[in-house]
Amino acid sequence: MMFSLFFPDKNAKPDNSKRGDPNDPRVRLKRDCVGLLAAFKLSDPCDQILIVANTHIYWDPQWIDVKLAQAKYLLSRVSQFEQLISNKYNCKPSVIIAGDFNSTPGDKVYNYLLSANLGSTDEAPIKLRSLYAANGGEPEYTNYTPGFTGTLDYIFLSDGSSIKPTSLLRLPRGDSEDVKGGLPNFRHPSDHLPIGADFLVVNI
């Protein structure tokens, strides 16, 4: 089904007077960003439950409050989902949260995601660690464009997880021919580079 809106009179203009106050939280926080949650029962080599969440946080660096609200909402829903799975299967599931957080290391969103490990007053409901930060440091960049180069994408793993990272996907250096001139290019079809990890399931 398709809908179209036409203005037959060239002098007719849409009425934008009721678009809403951009500072109203009901307007400001309403963005077309998403988060996905899924639970998997691993049968080999042992019965373990793995929760995987991914997301794409709002992009605008001037709207840090929106990005922080999205990160808090994401973790609150992951925590609720974790509790639901835990009660149903009588276990402690491992949690992986990954995505484009549109946030650089050390900013408010990044610090909040790790805040349960820092004793912060604004503590996240799940203890997480960044896989790259815990294994040599965050990448030099995951987004490489003429206007911006920096790290925006992360993989977080819950504390006490029954899965352990064995290797991480390494990214090209800033002086690499792979990214010369910025992304996307014929080697990388996105302005973001892929990040990834291999895991070992620990029988506990």
Protein backbone atom coordinates (compact mmCIF):
# COMPACT_ATOMS: atom_id res chain seq x y z
CA MET A 1 0.00 0.00 0.00
CA MET A 2 1.29 3.45 -0.90
CA PHE A 3 0.20 6.92 0.14
CA SER A 4 1.07 10.19 -1.57
CA LEU A 5 0.50 13.77 -0.57
CA PHE A 6 0.12 16.42 -3.26
CA PHE A 7 -0.21 20.21 -3.16
CA PRO A 8 -2.06 21.16 -6.36
CA ASP A 9 -1.75 24.90 -5.75
CA LYS A 10 1.82 26.12 -6.18
CA ASN A 11 1.14 28.68 -3.46
CA ALA A 12 -0.04 26.08 -0.96
CA LYS A 13 2.39 25.29 1.82
CA PRO A 14 2.24 22.65 4.55
CA ASP A 15 1.44 23.92 8.03
CA ASN A 16 4.48 23.28 10.22
CA SER A 17 3.13 25.16 13.20
CA LYS A 18 2.33 21.94 15.11
CA ARG A 19 5.57 20.07 14.62
CA GLY A 20 6.32 20.35 18.33
CA ASP A 21 8.96 21.92 20.48
CA PRO A 22 12.33 20.26 19.73
CA ASN A 23 13.23 20.69 23.41
CA ASP A 24 10.17 18.74 24.52
CA PRO A 25 11.54 15.28 25.54
CA ARG A 26 8.58 13.61 23.82
CA VAL A 27 9.79 15.19 20.57
CA ARG A 28 13.53 15.30 21.20
CA LEU A 29 13.88 11.65 22.20
CA LYS A 30 11.73 10.28 19.39
CA ARG A 31 14.30 9.01 16.88
CA ASP A 32 14.26 6.21 14.31
CA CYS A 33 17.02 4.25 16.07
CA VAL A 34 16.64 0.59 16.92
CA GLY A 35 17.88 -2.15 19.20
CA LEU A 36 17.49 -5.90 18.71
CA LEU A 37 17.61 -8.58 21.41
CA ALA A 38 17.80 -12.32 20.93
CA ALA A 39 18.55 -15.30 23.19
CA PHE A 40 20.30 -18.46 21.96
CA LYS A 41 20.64 -21.81 23.68
CA LEU A 42 24.06 -23.26 22.92
CA SER A 43 23.97 -27.06 22.90
CA ASP A 44 27.57 -27.73 21.91
CA PRO A 45 29.73 -28.25 23.88
CA CYS A 46 27.39 -27.51 26.78
CA ASP A 47 24.02 -26.00 27.56
CA GLN A 48 24.52 -22.25 27.88
CA ILE A 49 22.26 -19.30 27.18
CA LEU A 50 23.66 -16.38 25.20
CA ILE A 51 21.88 -13.05 24.83
CA VAL A 52 22.98 -10.92 21.89
CA ALA A 53 21.89 -7.29 21.52
CA ASN A 54 22.83 -4.84 18.82
CA THR A 55 21.93 -1.25 18.24
CA HIS A 56 22.48 1.93 16.28
CA ILE A 57 22.54 4.98 18.56
CA TYR A 58 21.60 8.45 17.26
CA TRP A 59 24.40 10.12 15.33
CA ASP A 60 24.37 13.86 16.14
CA PRO A 61 27.27 14.83 18.49
CA GLN A 62 25.28 17.88 19.63
CA TRP A 63 22.49 15.66 21.01
CA ILE A 64 24.45 13.80 23.67
CA ASP A 65 21.38 13.71 25.94
CA VAL A 66 19.46 11.76 23.30
CA LYS A 67 22.29 9.30 22.81
CA LEU A 68 22.71 8.82 26.55
CA ALA A 69 18.96 8.27 27.00
CA GLN A 70 19.04 5.65 24.24
CA ALA A 71 21.99 3.86 25.84
CA LYS A 72 20.23 3.82 29.21
CA TYR A 73 17.02 2.52 27.68
CA LEU A 74 18.90 -0.19 25.80
CA LEU A 75 20.66 -1.44 28.93
CA SER A 76 17.46 -1.34 30.96
CA ARG A 77 15.71 -3.53 28.39
CA VAL A 78 18.69 -5.89 28.13
CA SER A 79 18.68 -6.20 31.92
CA GLN A 80 14.96 -7.00 31.93
CA PHE A 81 15.44 -9.57 29.17
CA GLU A 82 18.38 -11.10 31.03
CA GLN A 83 16.22 -11.47 34.15
CA LEU A 84 13.39 -13.04 32.15
CA ILE A 85 15.74 -15.61 30.58
CA SER A 86 17.45 -16.26 33.90
CA ASN A 87 14.14 -17.00 35.63
CA LYS A 88 12.87 -19.19 32.80
CA TYR A 89 15.99 -21.35 32.44
CA ASN A 90 17.39 -21.04 35.96
CA CYS A 91 20.77 -19.84 34.73
CA LYS A 92 22.94 -16.77 34.33
CA PRO A 93 23.07 -15.98 30.61
CA SER A 94 26.09 -14.42 28.96
CA VAL A 95 25.40 -11.07 27.28
CA ILE A 96 27.02 -9.53 24.22
CA ILE A 97 26.05 -5.98 23.26
CA ALA A 98 27.47 -4.63 20.02
CA GLY A 99 26.77 -1.89 17.53
CA ASP A 100 27.32 1.60 16.26
CA PHE A 101 27.07 3.72 19.40
CA ASN A 102 28.08 6.94 17.63
CA SER A 103 30.15 7.72 20.71
CA THR A 104 33.89 7.98 21.16
CA PRO A 105 35.94 6.38 23.96
CA GLY A 106 35.65 8.41 27.14
CA ASP A 107 32.48 10.31 26.28
CA LYS A 108 29.30 10.13 28.36
CA VAL A 109 27.69 7.23 26.51
CA TYR A 110 30.87 5.13 26.54
CA ASN A 111 31.49 5.84 30.22
CA TYR A 112 27.90 5.00 31.11
CA LEU A 113 28.08 1.62 29.36
CA LEU A 114 31.07 0.76 31.56
CA SER A 115 29.83 2.55 34.68
CA ALA A 116 28.80 -0.58 36.60
CA ASN A 117 32.51 -1.38 36.87
CA LEU A 118 33.44 2.09 38.08
CA GLY A 119 31.16 2.55 41.09
CA SER A 120 29.44 5.49 39.42
CA THR A 121 26.40 7.12 41.00
CA ASP A 122 24.67 6.76 37.63
CA GLU A 123 25.41 3.07 37.39
CA ALA A 124 24.41 0.85 34.48
CA PRO A 125 22.28 -2.20 35.38
CA ILE A 126 24.74 -4.64 33.75
CA LYS A 127 28.48 -4.95 34.26
CA LEU A 128 30.13 -4.76 30.85
CA ARG A 129 33.62 -4.61 29.48
CA SER A 130 34.71 -3.58 26.02
CA LEU A 131 36.46 -6.48 24.31
CA TYR A 132 38.88 -4.28 22.39
CA ALA A 133 39.68 -2.04 25.35
CA ALA A 134 40.39 -5.11 27.49
CA ASN A 135 42.66 -6.61 24.83
CA GLY A 136 45.12 -3.97 23.77
CA GLY A 137 42.86 -0.94 23.51
CA GLU A 138 40.03 0.37 21.36
CA PRO A 139 40.76 0.56 17.63
CA GLU A 140 42.39 3.71 16.29
CA TYR A 141 39.14 4.26 14.40
CA THR A 142 36.10 2.36 13.16
CA ASN A 143 34.69 5.26 11.12
CA TYR A 144 36.94 6.91 8.53
CA THR A 145 35.62 9.77 6.43
CA PRO A 146 37.05 13.08 5.22
CA GLY A 147 34.98 14.89 7.86
CA PHE A 148 35.52 12.58 10.84
CA THR A 149 37.83 9.76 11.87
CA GLY A 150 37.32 7.98 15.17
CA THR A 151 36.03 4.96 17.05
CA LEU A 152 32.24 4.67 17.24
CA ASP A 153 31.62 0.90 17.22
CA TYR A 154 32.10 -1.52 20.11
CA ILE A 155 31.57 -5.06 21.36
CA PHE A 156 30.72 -5.34 25.05
CA LEU A 157 30.64 -8.56 27.07
CA SER A 158 28.94 -9.07 30.42
CA ASP A 159 30.98 -9.68 33.56
CA GLY A 160 31.27 -13.31 34.61
CA SER A 161 30.31 -14.56 31.18
CA SER A 162 30.61 -18.24 30.28
CA ILE A 163 32.03 -17.32 26.86
CA LYS A 164 35.55 -16.01 26.48
CA PRO A 165 37.00 -14.08 23.54
CA THR A 166 39.86 -15.91 21.81
CA SER A 167 40.64 -13.42 19.04
CA LEU A 168 39.54 -10.03 17.73
CA LEU A 169 39.24 -8.79 14.17
CA ARG A 170 42.05 -6.31 13.59
CA LEU A 171 41.46 -3.11 11.67
CA PRO A 172 43.76 -1.42 9.15
CA ARG A 173 46.00 1.38 10.37
CA GLY A 174 45.26 4.98 9.45
CA ASP A 175 48.05 5.06 6.88
CA SER A 176 46.83 1.89 5.16
CA GLU A 177 45.96 1.92 1.48
CA ASP A 178 42.72 0.19 2.50
CA VAL A 179 41.32 3.46 3.84
CA LYS A 180 43.25 6.05 1.86
CA GLY A 181 40.95 8.90 0.86
CA GLY A 182 38.26 7.87 3.31
CA LEU A 183 35.38 5.41 3.33
CA PRO A 184 33.39 3.97 1.70
CA ASN A 185 35.66 2.75 -1.09
CA PHE A 186 35.92 -0.29 -3.34
CA ARG A 187 37.45 -2.33 -0.49
CA HIS A 188 34.98 -1.27 2.18
CA PRO A 189 31.37 -0.55 1.14
CA SER A 190 30.55 1.35 4.34
CA ASP A 191 32.01 4.37 6.10
CA HIS A 192 32.36 2.05 9.13
CA LEU A 193 34.85 -0.81 9.31
CA PRO A 194 33.70 -4.19 10.63
CA ILE A 195 34.71 -5.28 14.12
CA GLY A 196 34.38 -8.83 15.37
CA ALA A 197 35.48 -11.52 17.78
CA ASP A 198 35.78 -15.30 18.10
CA PHE A 199 34.61 -16.87 21.35
CA LEU A 200 35.15 -20.05 23.29
CA VAL A 201 32.23 -21.47 25.28
CA VAL A 202 33.42 -22.45 28.76
CA ASN A 203 31.67 -25.40 30.40
CA ILE A 204 30.79 -24.24 33.91
